[in-house]
Amino acid sequence: MSTIVISLIFLTLLVLIAGLVVMAKGGETNKKYSNKLMIARVAVQFLAIICLLAFYFIYAE
């Protein structure tokens, strides 16, 4: 697998963990960052899936 794909998967995990920490903290921080982190996670996941598909179609035999 490419370094790009692995990096995107790792970044998705980091954003997910950050979102869980913000939700657990609650209060004003949750209201301010929860939705932004969810959108960031979905965007990074989308990029990771697109890269995975691209590598599959490029290197498939």
N, C-alpha and C. Protein backbone atom coordinates (compact mmCIF):
# COMPACT_ATOMS: atom_id res chain seq x y z
N MET A 1 0.84 -1.19 0.00
CA MET A 1 0.00 0.00 0.00
C MET A 1 0.88 1.24 0.00
N SER A 2 0.32 2.26 -0.51
CA SER A 2 1.06 3.50 -0.61
C SER A 2 1.13 4.22 0.73
N THR A 3 2.14 5.02 0.86
CA THR A 3 2.30 5.83 2.07
C THR A 3 1.15 6.82 2.20
N ILE A 4 0.64 7.28 1.08
CA ILE A 4 -0.48 8.24 1.10
C ILE A 4 -1.71 7.59 1.73
N VAL A 5 -2.03 6.38 1.32
CA VAL A 5 -3.22 5.69 1.83
C VAL A 5 -3.06 5.43 3.32
N ILE A 6 -1.90 4.94 3.72
CA ILE A 6 -1.66 4.67 5.14
C ILE A 6 -1.76 5.95 5.96
N SER A 7 -1.22 7.04 5.44
CA SER A 7 -1.30 8.32 6.14
C SER A 7 -2.74 8.79 6.28
N LEU A 8 -3.53 8.63 5.22
CA LEU A 8 -4.93 9.06 5.29
C LEU A 8 -5.73 8.20 6.28
N ILE A 9 -5.44 6.92 6.32
CA ILE A 9 -6.12 6.05 7.28
C ILE A 9 -5.74 6.45 8.71
N PHE A 10 -4.47 6.72 8.94
CA PHE A 10 -4.02 7.16 10.25
C PHE A 10 -4.64 8.51 10.63
N LEU A 11 -4.72 9.42 9.67
CA LEU A 11 -5.33 10.73 9.91
C LEU A 11 -6.81 10.58 10.26
N THR A 12 -7.50 9.67 9.58
CA THR A 12 -8.91 9.40 9.89
C THR A 12 -9.05 8.94 11.33
N LEU A 13 -8.16 8.05 11.75
CA LEU A 13 -8.19 7.56 13.12
C LEU A 13 -7.95 8.69 14.12
N LEU A 14 -7.00 9.56 13.83
CA LEU A 14 -6.73 10.69 14.73
C LEU A 14 -7.93 11.64 14.84
N VAL A 15 -8.56 11.94 13.72
CA VAL A 15 -9.73 12.84 13.75
C VAL A 15 -10.87 12.17 14.50
N LEU A 16 -11.04 10.87 14.31
CA LEU A 16 -12.08 10.14 15.04
C LEU A 16 -11.84 10.19 16.54
N ILE A 17 -10.61 9.95 16.96
CA ILE A 17 -10.29 10.00 18.39
C ILE A 17 -10.49 11.41 18.95
N ALA A 18 -10.07 12.42 18.18
CA ALA A 18 -10.27 13.80 18.62
C ALA A 18 -11.76 14.10 18.79
N GLY A 19 -12.59 13.61 17.88
CA GLY A 19 -14.03 13.81 17.99
C GLY A 19 -14.62 13.13 19.20
N LEU A 20 -14.13 11.92 19.49
CA LEU A 20 -14.62 11.21 20.67
C LEU A 20 -14.22 11.93 21.96
N VAL A 21 -13.00 12.46 21.99
CA VAL A 21 -12.54 13.20 23.18
C VAL A 21 -13.38 14.45 23.38
N VAL A 22 -13.66 15.17 22.29
CA VAL A 22 -14.47 16.39 22.38
C VAL A 22 -15.88 16.05 22.83
N MET A 23 -16.46 14.96 22.31
CA MET A 23 -17.80 14.57 22.74
C MET A 23 -17.82 14.18 24.21
N ALA A 24 -16.79 13.49 24.66
CA ALA A 24 -16.72 13.07 26.07
C ALA A 24 -16.58 14.27 26.99
N LYS A 25 -15.86 15.29 26.52
CA LYS A 25 -15.68 16.49 27.32
C LYS A 25 -16.99 17.25 27.47
N GLY A 26 -17.75 17.31 26.38
CA GLY A 26 -19.06 17.94 26.40
C GLY A 26 -19.00 19.44 26.53
N GLY A 27 -20.12 20.03 26.85
CA GLY A 27 -20.22 21.47 27.08
C GLY A 27 -20.01 22.30 25.83
N GLU A 28 -19.45 23.47 26.02
CA GLU A 28 -19.25 24.44 24.94
C GLU A 28 -18.25 23.91 23.90
N THR A 29 -17.25 23.18 24.33
CA THR A 29 -16.27 22.61 23.40
C THR A 29 -16.94 21.65 22.44
N ASN A 30 -17.84 20.84 22.94
CA ASN A 30 -18.57 19.91 22.09
C ASN A 30 -19.40 20.66 21.05
N LYS A 31 -20.09 21.69 21.48
CA LYS A 31 -20.92 22.47 20.56
C LYS A 31 -20.08 23.14 19.49
N LYS A 32 -18.88 23.57 19.86
CA LYS A 32 -18.04 24.33 18.93
C LYS A 32 -17.33 23.43 17.91
N TYR A 33 -16.85 22.26 18.33
CA TYR A 33 -15.97 21.47 17.47
C TYR A 33 -16.53 20.13 16.98
N SER A 34 -17.59 19.63 17.59
CA SER A 34 -18.08 18.30 17.27
C SER A 34 -18.45 18.15 15.80
N ASN A 35 -19.24 19.06 15.28
CA ASN A 35 -19.68 18.98 13.88
C ASN A 35 -18.52 19.18 12.92
N LYS A 36 -17.62 20.09 13.25
CA LYS A 36 -16.46 20.33 12.38
C LYS A 36 -15.57 19.10 12.30
N LEU A 37 -15.37 18.42 13.43
CA LEU A 37 -14.55 17.21 13.43
C LEU A 37 -15.24 16.08 12.67
N MET A 38 -16.55 15.99 12.76
CA MET A 38 -17.27 14.96 12.02
C MET A 38 -17.14 15.20 10.51
N ILE A 39 -17.27 16.43 10.09
CA ILE A 39 -17.11 16.76 8.67
C ILE A 39 -15.68 16.47 8.21
N ALA A 40 -14.70 16.80 9.03
CA ALA A 40 -13.30 16.53 8.70
C ALA A 40 -13.06 15.03 8.58
N ARG A 41 -13.64 14.25 9.49
CA ARG A 41 -13.46 12.79 9.43
C ARG A 41 -14.05 12.21 8.17
N VAL A 42 -15.24 12.65 7.81
CA VAL A 42 -15.89 12.14 6.60
C VAL A 42 -15.08 12.53 5.36
N ALA A 43 -14.54 13.74 5.33
CA ALA A 43 -13.74 14.18 4.19
C ALA A 43 -12.45 13.36 4.07
N VAL A 44 -11.79 13.11 5.18
CA VAL A 44 -10.54 12.33 5.14
C VAL A 44 -10.85 10.88 4.77
N GLN A 45 -11.95 10.33 5.29
CA GLN A 45 -12.34 8.97 4.91
C GLN A 45 -12.62 8.89 3.42
N PHE A 46 -13.29 9.87 2.88
CA PHE A 46 -13.59 9.91 1.45
C PHE A 46 -12.30 9.90 0.64
N LEU A 47 -11.34 10.73 1.03
CA LEU A 47 -10.06 10.76 0.32
C LEU A 47 -9.34 9.41 0.42
N ALA A 48 -9.38 8.79 1.57
CA ALA A 48 -8.73 7.49 1.74
C ALA A 48 -9.37 6.43 0.85
N ILE A 49 -10.68 6.43 0.76
CA ILE A 49 -11.37 5.45 -0.09
C ILE A 49 -11.07 5.71 -1.56
N ILE A 50 -11.06 6.97 -1.97
CA ILE A 50 -10.74 7.30 -3.36
C ILE A 50 -9.32 6.85 -3.69
N CYS A 51 -8.38 7.08 -2.80
CA CYS A 51 -6.99 6.64 -3.03
C CYS A 51 -6.90 5.12 -3.09
N LEU A 52 -7.60 4.43 -2.20
CA LEU A 52 -7.60 2.97 -2.24
C LEU A 52 -8.14 2.45 -3.57
N LEU A 53 -9.24 3.02 -4.03
CA LEU A 53 -9.81 2.61 -5.31
C LEU A 53 -8.86 2.92 -6.46
N ALA A 54 -8.22 4.08 -6.42
CA ALA A 54 -7.29 4.45 -7.48
C ALA A 54 -6.12 3.47 -7.53
N PHE A 55 -5.55 3.14 -6.38
CA PHE A 55 -4.45 2.18 -6.37
C PHE A 55 -4.90 0.80 -6.82
N TYR A 56 -6.12 0.43 -6.47
CA TYR A 56 -6.63 -0.87 -6.90
C TYR A 56 -6.72 -0.92 -8.42
N PHE A 57 -7.32 0.10 -9.03
CA PHE A 57 -7.50 0.09 -10.48
C PHE A 57 -6.18 0.29 -11.23
N ILE A 58 -5.24 1.00 -10.64
CA ILE A 58 -3.95 1.22 -11.29
C ILE A 58 -3.11 -0.05 -11.25
N TYR A 59 -3.08 -0.73 -10.09
CA TYR A 59 -2.18 -1.86 -9.90
C TYR A 59 -2.85 -3.22 -10.01
N ALA A 60 -4.14 -3.27 -10.30
CA ALA A 60 -4.83 -4.55 -10.43
C ALA A 60 -4.35 -5.27 -11.68
N GLU A 61 -4.22 -6.55 -11.56
CA GLU A 61 -3.75 -7.34 -12.70
C GLU A 61 -4.88 -8.12 -13.33
